């Protein structure tokens, strides 16, 4: 069973920054892609940012220019750097690792709260 260990959530004021980390229990190169999703109360879960095993990145429009997804090969960790945070970024952020079209794994989720 693959585990995704997340860290880095918390409370921050609007305009501040946070960095989320996700460390899978096996090499992230064994996954076709990894990414971060978020779900705010009363809303559907949405993709925030993703990175493929080849290094291609994708971002939701809401985070373009503010969020950066990256990975550290030596630490086998994927990061989501979030800058200029807004209250509407408040959500539970979850790490996702996709192995195939039909097989994916989720982290436990980490709360990000942005106060105005």
C-alpha atoms as a PDB file:
ATOM      1  CA  UNK A   1       0.000   0.000   0.000  1.00  0.00           C
ATOM      2  CA  UNK A   2       1.392   3.376  -0.997  1.00  0.00           C
ATOM      3  CA  UNK A   3       1.431   6.087   1.622  1.00  0.00           C
ATOM      4  CA  UNK A   4       1.643   9.777   0.947  1.00  0.00           C
ATOM      5  CA  UNK A   5       2.920  11.766   3.904  1.00  0.00           C
ATOM      6  CA  UNK A   6       1.879  15.399   3.789  1.00  0.00           C
ATOM      7  CA  UNK A   7       3.005  18.340   5.833  1.00  0.00           C
ATOM      8  CA  UNK A   8       3.068  22.108   5.781  1.00  0.00           C
ATOM      9  CA  UNK A   9      -0.510  23.245   6.194  1.00  0.00           C
ATOM     10  CA  UNK A  10      -1.563  25.823   8.722  1.00  0.00           C
ATOM     11  CA  UNK A  11      -2.982  29.256   9.351  1.00  0.00           C
ATOM     12  CA  UNK A  12      -1.627  32.247   7.480  1.00  0.00           C
ATOM     13  CA  UNK A  13      -2.746  35.796   6.849  1.00  0.00           C
ATOM     14  CA  UNK A  14      -3.831  36.921   3.421  1.00  0.00           C
ATOM     15  CA  UNK A  15      -0.803  37.718   1.313  1.00  0.00           C
ATOM     16  CA  UNK A  16       1.326  35.193   3.135  1.00  0.00           C
ATOM     17  CA  UNK A  17       2.964  32.013   1.953  1.00  0.00           C
ATOM     18  CA  UNK A  18       2.951  28.327   2.767  1.00  0.00           C
ATOM     19  CA  UNK A  19       4.799  25.335   1.405  1.00  0.00           C
ATOM     20  CA  UNK A  20       3.175  21.940   1.376  1.00  0.00           C
ATOM     21  CA  UNK A  21       5.230  18.764   1.154  1.00  0.00           C
ATOM     22  CA  UNK A  22       4.245  15.298   0.028  1.00  0.00           C
ATOM     23  CA  UNK A  23       6.572  12.331   0.410  1.00  0.00           C
ATOM     24  CA  UNK A  24       5.405   9.072  -1.165  1.00  0.00           C
ATOM     25  CA  UNK A  25       6.469   5.741   0.324  1.00  0.00           C
ATOM     26  CA  UNK A  26       8.088   4.757  -2.967  1.00  0.00           C
ATOM     27  CA  UNK A  27       9.804   6.647  -5.741  1.00  0.00           C
ATOM     28  CA  UNK A  28       7.608   9.284  -7.325  1.00  0.00           C
ATOM     29  CA  UNK A  29       9.017   8.150 -10.675  1.00  0.00           C
ATOM     30  CA  UNK A  30       6.873   5.035 -10.227  1.00  0.00           C
ATOM     31  CA  UNK A  31       3.807   7.230 -10.673  1.00  0.00           C
ATOM     32  CA  UNK A  32       2.674   8.772 -13.924  1.00  0.00           C
ATOM     33  CA  UNK A  33       1.910  11.993 -12.102  1.00  0.00           C
ATOM     34  CA  UNK A  34       1.568  13.564  -8.706  1.00  0.00           C
ATOM     35  CA  UNK A  35      -0.428  16.562  -7.729  1.00  0.00           C
ATOM     36  CA  UNK A  36      -2.250  18.598  -5.164  1.00  0.00           C
ATOM     37  CA  UNK A  37      -5.992  18.894  -4.915  1.00  0.00           C
ATOM     38  CA  UNK A  38      -8.082  20.965  -2.577  1.00  0.00           C
ATOM     39  CA  UNK A  39     -11.600  20.894  -1.247  1.00  0.00           C
ATOM     40  CA  UNK A  40     -13.288  23.797   0.460  1.00  0.00           C
ATOM     41  CA  UNK A  41     -16.441  23.346   2.555  1.00  0.00           C
ATOM     42  CA  UNK A  42     -19.450  22.882   0.328  1.00  0.00           C
ATOM     43  CA  UNK A  43     -17.373  22.698  -2.823  1.00  0.00           C
ATOM     44  CA  UNK A  44     -16.088  19.931  -5.038  1.00  0.00           C
ATOM     45  CA  UNK A  45     -12.519  18.822  -4.893  1.00  0.00           C
ATOM     46  CA  UNK A  46     -10.409  20.513  -7.547  1.00  0.00           C
ATOM     47  CA  UNK A  47      -6.942  20.125  -8.959  1.00  0.00           C
ATOM     48  CA  UNK A  48      -4.550  22.804  -7.794  1.00  0.00           C
ATOM     49  CA  UNK A  49      -1.359  21.712  -9.528  1.00  0.00           C
ATOM     50  CA  UNK A  50       0.185  18.591 -10.976  1.00  0.00           C
ATOM     51  CA  UNK A  51       3.532  17.343 -12.169  1.00  0.00           C
ATOM     52  CA  UNK A  52       4.158  14.345 -14.399  1.00  0.00           C
ATOM     53  CA  UNK A  53       7.000  11.882 -14.063  1.00  0.00           C
ATOM     54  CA  UNK A  54       8.567  13.665 -17.012  1.00  0.00           C
ATOM     55  CA  UNK A  55       8.412  16.991 -15.219  1.00  0.00           C
ATOM     56  CA  UNK A  56       5.540  18.631 -17.044  1.00  0.00           C
ATOM     57  CA  UNK A  57       3.512  20.904 -14.801  1.00  0.00           C
ATOM     58  CA  UNK A  58      -0.079  22.004 -14.865  1.00  0.00           C
ATOM     59  CA  UNK A  59      -1.909  24.568 -12.755  1.00  0.00           C
ATOM     60  CA  UNK A  60      -5.464  25.550 -12.108  1.00  0.00           C
ATOM     61  CA  UNK A  61      -6.204  29.094 -13.251  1.00  0.00           C
ATOM     62  CA  UNK A  62      -6.825  30.091  -9.644  1.00  0.00           C
ATOM     63  CA  UNK A  63      -3.211  29.413  -8.738  1.00  0.00           C
ATOM     64  CA  UNK A  64      -1.300  30.466 -11.836  1.00  0.00           C
ATOM     65  CA  UNK A  65       1.367  32.971 -10.992  1.00  0.00           C
ATOM     66  CA  UNK A  66       0.995  32.311  -7.258  1.00  0.00           C
ATOM     67  CA  UNK A  67       1.525  28.566  -6.823  1.00  0.00           C
ATOM     68  CA  UNK A  68       4.489  26.479  -7.888  1.00  0.00           C
ATOM     69  CA  UNK A  69       4.712  22.710  -7.861  1.00  0.00           C
ATOM     70  CA  UNK A  70       8.162  21.187  -7.748  1.00  0.00           C
ATOM     71  CA  UNK A  71       9.970  18.063  -6.686  1.00  0.00           C
ATOM     72  CA  UNK A  72      13.225  17.189  -5.015  1.00  0.00           C
ATOM     73  CA  UNK A  73      14.621  14.005  -6.501  1.00  0.00           C
ATOM     74  CA  UNK A  74      17.044  13.408  -3.648  1.00  0.00           C
ATOM     75  CA  UNK A  75      14.316  13.724  -1.029  1.00  0.00           C
ATOM     76  CA  UNK A  76      11.642  12.007  -3.119  1.00  0.00           C
ATOM     77  CA  UNK A  77       9.307  14.827  -2.185  1.00  0.00           C
ATOM     78  CA  UNK A  78       6.848  16.958  -4.110  1.00  0.00           C
ATOM     79  CA  UNK A  79       6.236  20.507  -2.950  1.00  0.00           C
ATOM     80  CA  UNK A  80       3.529  23.058  -3.479  1.00  0.00           C
ATOM     81  CA  UNK A  81       4.758  26.568  -2.851  1.00  0.00           C
ATOM     82  CA  UNK A  82       1.835  28.926  -2.354  1.00  0.00           C
ATOM     83  CA  UNK A  83       2.385  32.668  -2.357  1.00  0.00           C
ATOM     84  CA  UNK A  84       0.055  35.668  -2.151  1.00  0.00           C
ATOM     85  CA  UNK A  85      -2.513  33.505  -0.446  1.00  0.00           C
ATOM     86  CA  UNK A  86      -6.113  34.622  -0.415  1.00  0.00           C
ATOM     87  CA  UNK A  87      -8.993  33.717   1.918  1.00  0.00           C
ATOM     88  CA  UNK A  88     -10.556  31.795  -0.953  1.00  0.00           C
ATOM     89  CA  UNK A  89      -7.545  29.468  -0.928  1.00  0.00           C
ATOM     90  CA  UNK A  90      -8.783  28.107   2.383  1.00  0.00           C
ATOM     91  CA  UNK A  91      -9.371  24.385   1.969  1.00  0.00           C
ATOM     92  CA  UNK A  92      -8.133  20.930   2.805  1.00  0.00           C
ATOM     93  CA  UNK A  93      -5.236  20.222   0.472  1.00  0.00           C
ATOM     94  CA  UNK A  94      -4.555  16.607  -0.453  1.00  0.00           C
ATOM     95  CA  UNK A  95      -1.650  15.038  -2.238  1.00  0.00           C
ATOM     96  CA  UNK A  96      -2.436  12.633  -5.056  1.00  0.00           C
ATOM     97  CA  UNK A  97      -0.268  10.073  -6.804  1.00  0.00           C
ATOM     98  CA  UNK A  98      -1.564   8.495  -9.973  1.00  0.00           C
ATOM     99  CA  UNK A  99      -0.121   5.155 -10.959  1.00  0.00           C
ATOM    100  CA  UNK A 100      -2.446   4.363 -13.839  1.00  0.00           C
ATOM    101  CA  UNK A 101      -5.709   5.722 -15.157  1.00  0.00           C
ATOM    102  CA  UNK A 102      -7.510   3.465 -12.715  1.00  0.00           C
ATOM    103  CA  UNK A 103      -5.172   3.450  -9.742  1.00  0.00           C
ATOM    104  CA  UNK A 104      -4.368   6.431  -7.606  1.00  0.00           C
ATOM    105  CA  UNK A 105      -3.477   7.171  -4.031  1.00  0.00           C
ATOM    106  CA  UNK A 106      -4.362   9.996  -1.676  1.00  0.00           C
ATOM    107  CA  UNK A 107      -2.755  11.576   1.307  1.00  0.00           C
ATOM    108  CA  UNK A 108      -4.652  12.275   4.489  1.00  0.00           C
ATOM    109  CA  UNK A 109      -5.097  15.967   3.695  1.00  0.00           C
ATOM    110  CA  UNK A 110      -3.755  19.059   5.364  1.00  0.00           C
ATOM    111  CA  UNK A 111      -5.761  22.131   6.318  1.00  0.00           C
ATOM    112  CA  UNK A 112      -4.799  25.484   4.877  1.00  0.00           C
ATOM    113  CA  UNK A 113      -6.593  28.463   6.380  1.00  0.00           C
ATOM    114  CA  UNK A 114      -6.046  31.978   5.089  1.00  0.00           C
ATOM    115  CA  UNK A 115      -7.371  34.760   7.269  1.00  0.00           C
ATOM    116  CA  UNK A 116      -8.373  38.134   5.868  1.00  0.00           C
END
